[in-house]
Amino acid sequence: MEKRLGVVAIILEDKEFADQVNDILHAYSQIIVGRMGLPYKERSVAVISLIVDATGDEVSALTGKLGRIDGVTVKSALAKG
């Protein structure tokens, strides 16, 4: 399967689960090109954006694991080619 460039957006609504999110991101660090995390204190959330270079299956596995964590919303988009 061909690797494609993409983005993954993560909204963490419950900081209690931040360690779980970071553990998953560490496990997938080989596909993460860049990461930016911003705490949004006024809303008590954290927003994390990732740039990934990965196959569709790898991105699906990453987002699937993140999406199973309570208080986490995750979306992804991959370039067409």
N, C-alpha and C. Protein backbone atom coordinates (compact mmCIF):
# COMPACT_ATOMS: atom_id res chain seq x y z
N MET A 1 0.85 -1.18 0.00
CA MET A 1 0.00 0.00 0.00
C MET A 1 0.89 1.25 0.00
N GLU A 2 0.46 2.24 -0.73
CA GLU A 2 1.25 3.46 -0.90
C GLU A 2 1.09 4.41 0.29
N LYS A 3 2.20 5.01 0.70
CA LYS A 3 2.15 6.01 1.77
C LYS A 3 1.65 7.33 1.20
N ARG A 4 0.89 8.05 2.02
CA ARG A 4 0.39 9.36 1.62
C ARG A 4 0.57 10.34 2.78
N LEU A 5 0.64 11.59 2.43
CA LEU A 5 0.75 12.65 3.42
C LEU A 5 -0.65 12.96 3.95
N GLY A 6 -0.76 13.22 5.25
CA GLY A 6 -2.07 13.51 5.81
C GLY A 6 -1.98 14.29 7.10
N VAL A 7 -3.16 14.61 7.62
CA VAL A 7 -3.27 15.30 8.90
C VAL A 7 -4.24 14.52 9.80
N VAL A 8 -3.97 14.57 11.08
CA VAL A 8 -4.85 13.98 12.08
C VAL A 8 -5.11 15.05 13.13
N ALA A 9 -6.39 15.30 13.39
CA ALA A 9 -6.78 16.28 14.42
C ALA A 9 -7.35 15.52 15.61
N ILE A 10 -6.87 15.87 16.79
CA ILE A 10 -7.30 15.21 18.02
C ILE A 10 -7.76 16.28 19.00
N ILE A 11 -8.96 16.09 19.55
CA ILE A 11 -9.45 16.97 20.61
C ILE A 11 -9.58 16.11 21.87
N LEU A 12 -8.88 16.51 22.90
CA LEU A 12 -8.87 15.79 24.17
C LEU A 12 -9.69 16.60 25.17
N GLU A 13 -10.87 16.10 25.49
CA GLU A 13 -11.78 16.81 26.39
C GLU A 13 -11.58 16.46 27.86
N ASP A 14 -10.87 15.38 28.12
CA ASP A 14 -10.63 14.96 29.50
C ASP A 14 -9.15 14.67 29.66
N LYS A 15 -8.44 15.57 30.31
CA LYS A 15 -6.98 15.44 30.42
C LYS A 15 -6.55 14.22 31.23
N GLU A 16 -7.48 13.58 31.88
CA GLU A 16 -7.19 12.35 32.61
C GLU A 16 -6.65 11.26 31.67
N PHE A 17 -7.02 11.35 30.39
CA PHE A 17 -6.63 10.34 29.41
C PHE A 17 -5.43 10.77 28.55
N ALA A 18 -4.77 11.85 28.92
CA ALA A 18 -3.64 12.36 28.15
C ALA A 18 -2.51 11.35 28.06
N ASP A 19 -2.25 10.61 29.12
CA ASP A 19 -1.18 9.61 29.09
C ASP A 19 -1.48 8.51 28.08
N GLN A 20 -2.74 8.09 28.00
CA GLN A 20 -3.12 7.06 27.02
C GLN A 20 -2.91 7.57 25.59
N VAL A 21 -3.31 8.82 25.34
CA VAL A 21 -3.13 9.42 24.02
C VAL A 21 -1.64 9.48 23.69
N ASN A 22 -0.83 9.94 24.60
CA ASN A 22 0.61 10.05 24.36
C ASN A 22 1.27 8.69 24.15
N ASP A 23 0.80 7.67 24.86
CA ASP A 23 1.34 6.32 24.67
C ASP A 23 1.07 5.82 23.26
N ILE A 24 -0.14 6.07 22.75
CA ILE A 24 -0.49 5.65 21.40
C ILE A 24 0.33 6.43 20.38
N LEU A 25 0.44 7.74 20.58
CA LEU A 25 1.23 8.55 19.65
C LEU A 25 2.69 8.09 19.63
N HIS A 26 3.22 7.73 20.79
CA HIS A 26 4.60 7.22 20.85
C HIS A 26 4.72 5.91 20.06
N ALA A 27 3.72 5.05 20.17
CA ALA A 27 3.76 3.77 19.46
C ALA A 27 3.72 3.96 17.94
N TYR A 28 3.13 5.06 17.48
CA TYR A 28 3.03 5.35 16.05
C TYR A 28 4.00 6.46 15.62
N SER A 29 5.02 6.70 16.40
CA SER A 29 5.94 7.81 16.11
C SER A 29 6.65 7.66 14.77
N GLN A 30 6.76 6.44 14.26
CA GLN A 30 7.45 6.24 12.98
C GLN A 30 6.68 6.84 11.81
N ILE A 31 5.38 7.11 11.95
CA ILE A 31 4.61 7.70 10.85
C ILE A 31 4.31 9.19 11.08
N ILE A 32 4.67 9.71 12.25
CA ILE A 32 4.39 11.10 12.59
C ILE A 32 5.56 11.98 12.16
N VAL A 33 5.27 12.92 11.24
CA VAL A 33 6.28 13.84 10.74
C VAL A 33 6.39 15.06 11.65
N GLY A 34 5.25 15.52 12.16
CA GLY A 34 5.22 16.69 13.03
C GLY A 34 4.01 16.65 13.94
N ARG A 35 4.13 17.35 15.06
CA ARG A 35 3.06 17.36 16.06
C ARG A 35 3.01 18.73 16.70
N MET A 36 1.79 19.24 16.86
CA MET A 36 1.60 20.49 17.58
C MET A 36 0.43 20.29 18.55
N GLY A 37 0.66 20.61 19.80
CA GLY A 37 -0.39 20.50 20.81
C GLY A 37 -0.63 21.84 21.47
N LEU A 38 -1.90 22.18 21.57
CA LEU A 38 -2.27 23.46 22.18
C LEU A 38 -3.31 23.26 23.26
N PRO A 39 -3.00 23.64 24.49
CA PRO A 39 -4.03 23.62 25.52
C PRO A 39 -4.95 24.82 25.34
N TYR A 40 -6.23 24.59 25.38
CA TYR A 40 -7.22 25.67 25.27
C TYR A 40 -7.89 25.78 26.63
N LYS A 41 -7.26 26.55 27.51
CA LYS A 41 -7.65 26.61 28.91
C LYS A 41 -9.08 27.12 29.11
N GLU A 42 -9.52 28.05 28.27
CA GLU A 42 -10.86 28.61 28.42
C GLU A 42 -11.95 27.55 28.27
N ARG A 43 -11.66 26.50 27.51
CA ARG A 43 -12.63 25.42 27.30
C ARG A 43 -12.20 24.12 27.98
N SER A 44 -11.09 24.13 28.66
CA SER A 44 -10.56 22.95 29.36
C SER A 44 -10.38 21.76 28.42
N VAL A 45 -9.82 22.02 27.24
CA VAL A 45 -9.52 20.95 26.29
C VAL A 45 -8.10 21.14 25.78
N ALA A 46 -7.60 20.12 25.13
CA ALA A 46 -6.32 20.20 24.43
C ALA A 46 -6.57 19.79 22.98
N VAL A 47 -5.94 20.49 22.06
CA VAL A 47 -6.05 20.19 20.64
C VAL A 47 -4.67 19.80 20.13
N ILE A 48 -4.60 18.64 19.49
CA ILE A 48 -3.34 18.13 18.97
C ILE A 48 -3.51 17.94 17.47
N SER A 49 -2.57 18.47 16.70
CA SER A 49 -2.58 18.23 15.26
C SER A 49 -1.31 17.48 14.87
N LEU A 50 -1.48 16.50 14.01
CA LEU A 50 -0.37 15.68 13.55
C LEU A 50 -0.25 15.77 12.04
N ILE A 51 0.96 15.79 11.55
CA ILE A 51 1.25 15.58 10.14
C ILE A 51 1.80 14.16 10.05
N VAL A 52 1.20 13.34 9.20
CA VAL A 52 1.61 11.95 9.09
C VAL A 52 2.00 11.62 7.66
N ASP A 53 2.89 10.66 7.51
CA ASP A 53 3.27 10.10 6.22
C ASP A 53 3.09 8.60 6.38
N ALA A 54 1.95 8.08 5.90
CA ALA A 54 1.57 6.72 6.25
C ALA A 54 0.61 6.14 5.23
N THR A 55 0.41 4.85 5.32
CA THR A 55 -0.61 4.20 4.51
C THR A 55 -1.98 4.47 5.14
N GLY A 56 -3.01 4.25 4.37
CA GLY A 56 -4.36 4.41 4.91
C GLY A 56 -4.62 3.48 6.08
N ASP A 57 -4.09 2.26 5.99
CA ASP A 57 -4.27 1.30 7.08
C ASP A 57 -3.60 1.76 8.37
N GLU A 58 -2.42 2.35 8.25
CA GLU A 58 -1.72 2.84 9.44
C GLU A 58 -2.48 3.98 10.09
N VAL A 59 -3.00 4.89 9.27
CA VAL A 59 -3.76 6.02 9.82
C VAL A 59 -5.05 5.51 10.45
N SER A 60 -5.71 4.56 9.82
CA SER A 60 -6.93 3.99 10.39
C SER A 60 -6.67 3.31 11.73
N ALA A 61 -5.55 2.60 11.82
CA ALA A 61 -5.21 1.95 13.08
C ALA A 61 -4.96 2.98 14.18
N LEU A 62 -4.21 4.02 13.84
CA LEU A 62 -3.93 5.08 14.81
C LEU A 62 -5.21 5.77 15.26
N THR A 63 -6.02 6.21 14.31
CA THR A 63 -7.24 6.94 14.69
C THR A 63 -8.24 6.04 15.39
N GLY A 64 -8.27 4.77 15.03
CA GLY A 64 -9.17 3.84 15.71
C GLY A 64 -8.83 3.67 17.17
N LYS A 65 -7.55 3.53 17.47
CA LYS A 65 -7.12 3.39 18.86
C LYS A 65 -7.39 4.66 19.65
N LEU A 66 -7.11 5.80 19.04
CA LEU A 66 -7.37 7.07 19.73
C LEU A 66 -8.87 7.28 19.96
N GLY A 67 -9.67 6.93 18.97
CA GLY A 67 -11.11 7.14 19.06
C GLY A 67 -11.81 6.30 20.12
N ARG A 68 -11.16 5.22 20.55
CA ARG A 68 -11.75 4.37 21.60
C ARG A 68 -11.51 4.91 23.01
N ILE A 69 -10.73 5.97 23.13
CA ILE A 69 -10.46 6.56 24.44
C ILE A 69 -11.59 7.54 24.77
N ASP A 70 -12.13 7.42 25.99
CA ASP A 70 -13.18 8.34 26.43
C ASP A 70 -12.67 9.78 26.36
N GLY A 71 -13.53 10.67 25.92
CA GLY A 71 -13.18 12.09 25.90
C GLY A 71 -12.26 12.50 24.77
N VAL A 72 -12.06 11.63 23.78
CA VAL A 72 -11.19 11.94 22.64
C VAL A 72 -12.02 11.93 21.35
N THR A 73 -11.89 13.00 20.57
CA THR A 73 -12.46 13.06 19.24
C THR A 73 -11.31 13.14 18.26
N VAL A 74 -11.37 12.36 17.20
CA VAL A 74 -10.26 12.32 16.23
C VAL A 74 -10.81 12.26 14.81
N LYS A 75 -10.18 13.02 13.92
CA LYS A 75 -10.52 13.03 12.50
C LYS A 75 -9.23 13.05 11.70
N SER A 76 -9.28 12.49 10.50
CA SER A 76 -8.08 12.49 9.65
C SER A 76 -8.44 12.81 8.21
N ALA A 77 -7.44 13.25 7.48
CA ALA A 77 -7.57 13.49 6.04
C ALA A 77 -6.24 13.15 5.40
N LEU A 78 -6.30 12.44 4.26
CA LEU A 78 -5.09 12.06 3.53
C LEU A 78 -5.12 12.68 2.14
N ALA A 79 -3.93 13.03 1.64
CA ALA A 79 -3.80 13.53 0.28
C ALA A 79 -4.20 12.43 -0.70
N LYS A 80 -4.64 12.82 -1.87
CA LYS A 80 -5.10 11.84 -2.85
C LYS A 80 -3.97 11.02 -3.46
N GLY A 81 -2.80 11.57 -3.49
CA GLY A 81 -1.75 10.80 -4.12
C GLY A 81 -0.39 11.09 -3.66
